[in-house]
C-alpha cells in the first residue's frame, strides 16, 4: 500500500468552508496497512468515496481530531459510522481533546459503544495506531483545546501537522526534526491575531526557517490566501527559506516514498 497523505479539502475559514470555495474534507493518511483520518470536516465522507482511487472509510483504523471546531469535526460522526460499517462492527479508535466531549459533544453518545476505544489527547503524550507511533508535542494557542501531531514512520521519517494556532515560539521547538511539515495557514497577514488565533504567511516563514524540514506543505486557506494564490505564497516562502514549500490542492496526494527518494516526483 505504501505511505501517502491525501488532502480531501484545503478550506480553512468560515466563508471558504460555507461556500465550498475549497473543499473541507480533511486529510487521509495511509501508512502501509494502517489508515487513519485527520480532522473530518464537512464533506469528508463524500470526498473519500469520490476519491480516485476510492478511499474506503470502513478500513480506517482511527480518526484523529485536533480540535472541536466545525471545519475540523463536522463529519466525525458519519465517519465513525462508516468506520464501524454502520455500527455493525466494534472497531476503530477516536483520538480527540477532552473538551470535544464536554458541553455540546462533537461525538454522539450512541456511537461510543461500537468504538474499540476513545482516547483523550493531552499535551506531550505519546499514542499509537497499530505499529504507528505519534505524539502531541504541545497544546496550541486557540480558543478551544487544540493539538497538532507528530508521526514517526519507518526509516526514521517524521511527519508533523501544525494545525490551527496563534504563533508562539514553542512551536519551533515542539516540531523540530520534522522531515515533512504540514501547516495550516489561514491568514496571509496578521489581522487581530489575538481574536483570530491562526497562522499567517510570515508565521509560516518563521516556522519553516526554524524547523528546517526537508519539505513543507501549506493548507487550510482563508479567503485572502486564496485570492493571493497559495502557490505563489508557497513559492515566496521557498525562496526566502531555501526549503521546498508546496501549496496543497483539493485532492492532492503526497506519496512519501517518492518524495524522499526522488526529489523530482513530489505530488500527484
Protein backbone atom coordinates (compact mmCIF):
# COMPACT_ATOMS: atom_id res chain seq x y z
CA UNK A 1 0.00 0.00 0.00
CA UNK A 2 2.85 2.37 0.72
CA UNK A 3 2.63 5.62 2.61
CA UNK A 4 0.63 8.57 1.32
CA UNK A 5 -1.26 11.61 2.52
CA UNK A 6 -4.33 12.79 0.59
CA UNK A 7 -5.88 16.22 1.05
CA UNK A 8 -9.65 15.87 0.79
CA UNK A 9 -10.01 19.60 1.35
CA UNK A 10 -7.90 22.71 1.80
CA UNK A 11 -10.53 25.17 3.09
CA UNK A 12 -9.71 26.96 6.31
CA UNK A 13 -12.12 29.76 7.15
CA UNK A 14 -15.85 30.22 7.61
CA UNK A 15 -16.56 31.81 4.21
CA UNK A 16 -14.35 29.41 2.30
CA UNK A 17 -15.96 26.43 4.06
CA UNK A 18 -19.58 27.61 3.97
CA UNK A 19 -19.39 28.45 0.26
CA UNK A 20 -17.16 25.45 -0.50
CA UNK A 21 -14.76 27.65 -2.43
CA UNK A 22 -12.30 24.96 -1.42
CA UNK A 23 -13.38 21.54 -0.14
CA UNK A 24 -13.19 20.90 3.60
CA UNK A 25 -13.00 17.10 3.88
CA UNK A 26 -9.83 16.80 5.96
CA UNK A 27 -6.81 14.54 5.46
CA UNK A 28 -6.46 10.81 4.81
CA UNK A 29 -3.16 9.31 5.99
CA UNK A 30 -2.19 5.82 4.84
CA UNK A 31 0.91 4.12 6.25
CA UNK A 32 1.10 0.63 4.79
CA UNK A 33 -1.77 -1.33 6.37
CA UNK A 34 -2.68 1.47 8.81
CA UNK A 35 -5.18 4.07 7.56
CA UNK A 36 -6.44 6.97 9.64
CA UNK A 37 -8.28 10.24 9.10
CA UNK A 38 -7.32 13.65 10.45
CA UNK A 39 -9.98 16.32 11.06
CA UNK A 40 -13.03 15.09 9.10
CA UNK A 41 -14.62 18.42 8.22
CA UNK A 42 -17.75 18.99 6.08
CA UNK A 43 -17.75 16.62 3.12
CA UNK A 44 -15.19 14.13 4.47
CA UNK A 45 -17.20 11.01 3.69
CA UNK A 46 -18.28 12.14 0.21
CA UNK A 47 -14.76 13.25 -0.73
CA UNK A 48 -13.28 9.93 0.44
CA UNK A 49 -15.78 7.88 -1.54
CA UNK A 50 -15.39 10.09 -4.64
CA UNK A 51 -11.61 9.96 -4.50
CA UNK A 52 -9.82 8.25 -7.38
CA UNK A 53 -8.98 5.58 -6.49
CA UNK A 54 -11.77 5.43 -3.93
CA UNK A 55 -10.78 5.60 -0.28
CA UNK A 56 -12.68 3.13 1.91
CA UNK A 57 -13.55 4.55 5.36
CA UNK A 58 -14.63 1.12 6.66
CA UNK A 59 -10.94 0.20 6.52
CA UNK A 60 -9.87 3.06 8.79
CA UNK A 61 -8.06 2.16 11.99
CA UNK A 62 -8.59 5.54 13.65
CA UNK A 63 -9.84 9.12 13.41
CA UNK A 64 -7.80 11.97 14.90
CA UNK A 65 -9.43 15.25 15.84
CA UNK A 66 -7.15 18.22 16.50
CA UNK A 67 -9.99 20.30 17.96
CA UNK A 68 -13.76 20.64 18.04
CA UNK A 69 -14.38 23.44 15.54
CA UNK A 70 -16.91 22.60 12.83
CA UNK A 71 -14.49 22.83 9.90
CA UNK A 72 -12.47 20.06 11.55
CA UNK A 73 -15.15 17.97 13.25
CA UNK A 74 -18.38 18.24 11.27
CA UNK A 75 -18.18 14.77 9.69
CA UNK A 76 -16.75 12.96 12.70
CA UNK A 77 -19.94 11.03 13.42
CA UNK A 78 -20.64 9.88 9.87
CA UNK A 79 -17.00 8.82 9.51
CA UNK A 80 -17.32 6.77 12.72
CA UNK A 81 -20.47 5.16 11.32
CA UNK A 82 -18.59 4.30 8.14
CA UNK A 83 -15.51 3.08 10.02
CA UNK A 84 -17.71 0.71 12.04
CA UNK A 85 -19.68 -0.36 8.94
CA UNK A 86 -22.92 1.25 10.03
CA UNK A 87 -22.37 0.46 13.72
CA UNK A 88 -22.29 -3.28 12.98
CA UNK A 89 -18.66 -3.90 13.96
CA UNK A 90 -16.87 -2.83 17.11
CA UNK A 91 -13.68 -1.34 15.75
CA UNK A 92 -11.63 1.80 15.36
CA UNK A 93 -10.18 4.41 17.72
CA UNK A 94 -11.14 8.07 18.04
CA UNK A 95 -8.45 10.40 19.41
CA UNK A 96 -9.74 13.81 20.46
CA UNK A 97 -9.30 16.57 23.07
CA UNK A 98 -11.25 16.31 26.31
CA UNK A 99 -13.36 19.41 25.62
CA UNK A 100 -14.70 17.78 22.45
CA UNK A 101 -16.73 15.54 24.78
CA UNK A 102 -17.93 18.35 27.03
CA UNK A 103 -20.93 20.67 26.61
CA UNK A 104 -22.10 20.19 23.01
CA UNK A 105 -20.30 16.92 22.37
CA UNK A 106 -18.92 16.55 18.86
CA UNK A 107 -19.02 12.74 19.15
CA UNK A 108 -22.56 11.43 19.57
CA UNK A 109 -23.08 9.22 22.61
CA UNK A 110 -24.81 6.42 20.69
CA UNK A 111 -21.58 5.79 18.77
CA UNK A 112 -19.30 5.27 21.75
CA UNK A 113 -20.22 1.62 22.47
CA UNK A 114 -19.30 0.50 18.96
CA UNK A 115 -15.81 2.06 19.03
CA UNK A 116 -12.87 -0.03 20.08
CA UNK A 117 -11.55 2.90 22.12
CA UNK A 118 -11.87 6.64 22.73
CA UNK A 119 -8.57 8.28 23.66
CA UNK A 120 -8.30 11.78 25.13
CA UNK A 121 -5.38 13.79 23.81
CA UNK A 122 -3.02 15.58 26.19
CA UNK A 123 -0.01 17.80 25.73
CA UNK A 124 3.29 15.97 25.33
CA UNK A 125 1.82 12.46 25.30
CA UNK A 126 2.59 9.52 23.00
CA UNK A 127 -0.01 7.33 21.30
CA UNK A 128 -0.14 4.50 18.79
CA UNK A 129 -2.32 3.26 15.95
CA UNK A 130 -1.23 -0.30 15.31
CA UNK A 131 2.53 -0.09 14.84
CA UNK A 132 2.45 3.64 14.08
CA UNK A 133 3.58 5.95 16.87
CA UNK A 134 2.64 9.63 17.21
CA UNK A 135 2.83 12.42 19.76
CA UNK A 136 1.01 15.65 20.57
CA UNK A 137 4.10 17.83 21.12
CA UNK A 138 2.37 20.87 22.57
CA UNK A 139 -1.03 22.41 23.15
CA UNK A 140 -1.73 25.05 20.52
CA UNK A 141 -2.91 28.58 21.23
CA UNK A 142 -6.51 28.51 20.01
CA UNK A 143 -9.93 29.33 21.52
CA UNK A 144 -10.60 25.62 22.22
CA UNK A 145 -8.36 22.75 23.32
CA UNK A 146 -6.19 22.06 20.26
CA UNK A 147 -3.27 19.77 19.45
CA UNK A 148 -1.01 19.17 16.48
CA UNK A 149 0.51 15.79 15.65
CA UNK A 150 3.96 14.37 15.04
CA UNK A 151 4.08 10.94 13.36
CA UNK A 152 7.10 8.65 13.48
CA UNK A 153 7.21 6.40 10.43
CA UNK A 154 9.66 3.71 9.40
CA UNK A 155 13.13 4.66 8.15
CA UNK A 156 13.23 7.46 10.73
CA UNK A 157 10.79 9.55 8.71
CA UNK A 158 8.86 12.12 10.74
CA UNK A 159 5.70 13.85 9.52
CA UNK A 160 4.25 16.75 11.52
CA UNK A 161 0.93 18.60 11.33
CA UNK A 162 0.74 22.11 12.80
CA UNK A 163 -2.98 22.76 12.97
CA UNK A 164 -4.85 25.97 13.91
CA UNK A 165 -2.96 28.13 16.37
CA UNK A 166 -1.70 31.60 17.16
CA UNK A 167 2.04 31.78 16.56
CA UNK A 168 4.25 31.17 19.56
CA UNK A 169 7.97 30.28 19.75
CA UNK A 170 7.20 26.99 21.49
CA UNK A 171 6.04 25.61 18.14
CA UNK A 172 9.58 25.83 16.76
CA UNK A 173 10.96 23.53 19.46
CA UNK A 174 7.95 21.19 19.51
CA UNK A 175 8.14 20.33 15.80
CA UNK A 176 11.92 20.08 15.37
CA UNK A 177 13.31 17.14 13.35
CA UNK A 178 10.30 17.01 11.04
CA UNK A 179 11.03 15.69 7.56
CA UNK A 180 7.63 16.72 6.23
CA UNK A 181 5.90 19.67 7.86
CA UNK A 182 2.22 20.37 7.08
CA UNK A 183 0.99 23.75 8.32
CA UNK A 184 -2.49 25.26 8.46
CA UNK A 185 -2.12 28.80 7.09
CA UNK A 186 -5.49 30.56 7.30
CA UNK A 187 -4.26 34.15 7.05
CA UNK A 188 -1.94 35.98 4.68
CA UNK A 189 -1.17 38.82 7.11
CA UNK A 190 -1.64 39.44 10.84
CA UNK A 191 -5.17 40.66 11.48
CA UNK A 192 -6.49 41.00 15.02
CA UNK A 193 -4.42 37.93 15.85
CA UNK A 194 -5.49 37.70 19.48
CA UNK A 195 -9.05 37.01 18.33
CA UNK A 196 -8.36 35.09 15.12
CA UNK A 197 -5.60 32.86 16.56
CA UNK A 198 -4.43 31.46 13.23
CA UNK A 199 -1.07 31.38 11.47
CA UNK A 200 -0.26 33.75 8.62
CA UNK A 201 2.37 33.69 5.88
CA UNK A 202 5.02 35.45 8.00
CA UNK A 203 4.46 32.91 10.79
CA UNK A 204 4.87 30.03 8.36
CA UNK A 205 8.12 31.51 7.06
CA UNK A 206 9.47 31.75 10.62
CA UNK A 207 8.47 28.18 11.41
CA UNK A 208 9.96 26.74 8.24
CA UNK A 209 13.23 28.63 8.82
CA UNK A 210 13.47 27.43 12.42
CA UNK A 211 12.33 23.82 11.97
CA UNK A 212 14.12 23.22 8.64
CA UNK A 213 12.00 20.33 7.32
CA UNK A 214 13.02 18.58 4.12
CA UNK A 215 9.69 19.73 2.67
CA UNK A 216 6.76 21.83 3.89
CA UNK A 217 3.13 21.97 2.75
CA UNK A 218 0.70 24.80 3.47
CA UNK A 219 -3.05 24.15 3.58
CA UNK A 220 -6.31 25.23 5.28
CA UNK A 221 -6.59 28.53 3.44
CA UNK A 222 -8.76 31.54 4.21
CA UNK A 223 -10.22 33.79 1.51
CA UNK A 224 -7.36 36.29 1.40
CA UNK A 225 -4.84 33.49 0.95
CA UNK A 226 -6.88 32.06 -1.93
CA UNK A 227 -7.22 35.47 -3.59
CA UNK A 228 -3.45 35.92 -3.37
CA UNK A 229 -2.83 32.47 -4.92
CA UNK A 230 -1.50 29.96 -2.36
CA UNK A 231 1.03 28.51 -4.82
CA UNK A 232 2.64 31.93 -5.24
CA UNK A 233 2.82 32.39 -1.48
CA UNK A 234 4.44 28.96 -1.22
CA UNK A 235 6.99 29.91 -3.88
CA UNK A 236 7.87 33.11 -2.00
CA UNK A 237 8.39 31.22 1.26
CA UNK A 238 10.53 28.68 -0.60
CA UNK A 239 12.74 31.45 -1.99
CA UNK A 240 13.14 33.09 1.42
CA UNK A 241 13.87 29.88 3.33
CA UNK A 242 15.66 27.71 0.78
CA UNK A 243 13.24 24.87 1.60
CA UNK A 244 10.68 23.46 -0.81
CA UNK A 245 7.22 24.67 0.20
CA UNK A 246 4.14 23.40 -1.63
CA UNK A 247 0.57 24.74 -1.51
CA UNK A 248 -1.87 21.86 -1.12
CA UNK A 249 -4.69 21.45 -3.63
CA UNK A 250 -8.00 19.68 -3.14
CA UNK A 251 -7.39 16.02 -3.94
CA UNK A 252 -3.60 16.34 -3.88
CA UNK A 253 -1.76 13.19 -2.83
CA UNK A 254 1.73 13.10 -1.35
CA UNK A 255 3.44 9.78 -1.98
CA UNK A 256 6.07 9.81 0.72
CA UNK A 257 8.33 7.12 -0.73
CA UNK A 258 8.61 9.16 -3.94
CA UNK A 259 9.05 12.49 -2.17
CA UNK A 260 12.02 11.37 -0.11
CA UNK A 261 13.58 9.09 -2.70
CA UNK A 262 13.15 11.07 -5.92
CA UNK A 263 13.03 14.88 -5.40
CA UNK A 264 11.57 15.38 -8.90
CA UNK A 265 8.44 13.38 -8.14
CA UNK A 266 6.68 15.24 -5.37
CA UNK A 267 2.91 15.08 -5.68
CA UNK A 268 0.00 13.83 -7.75
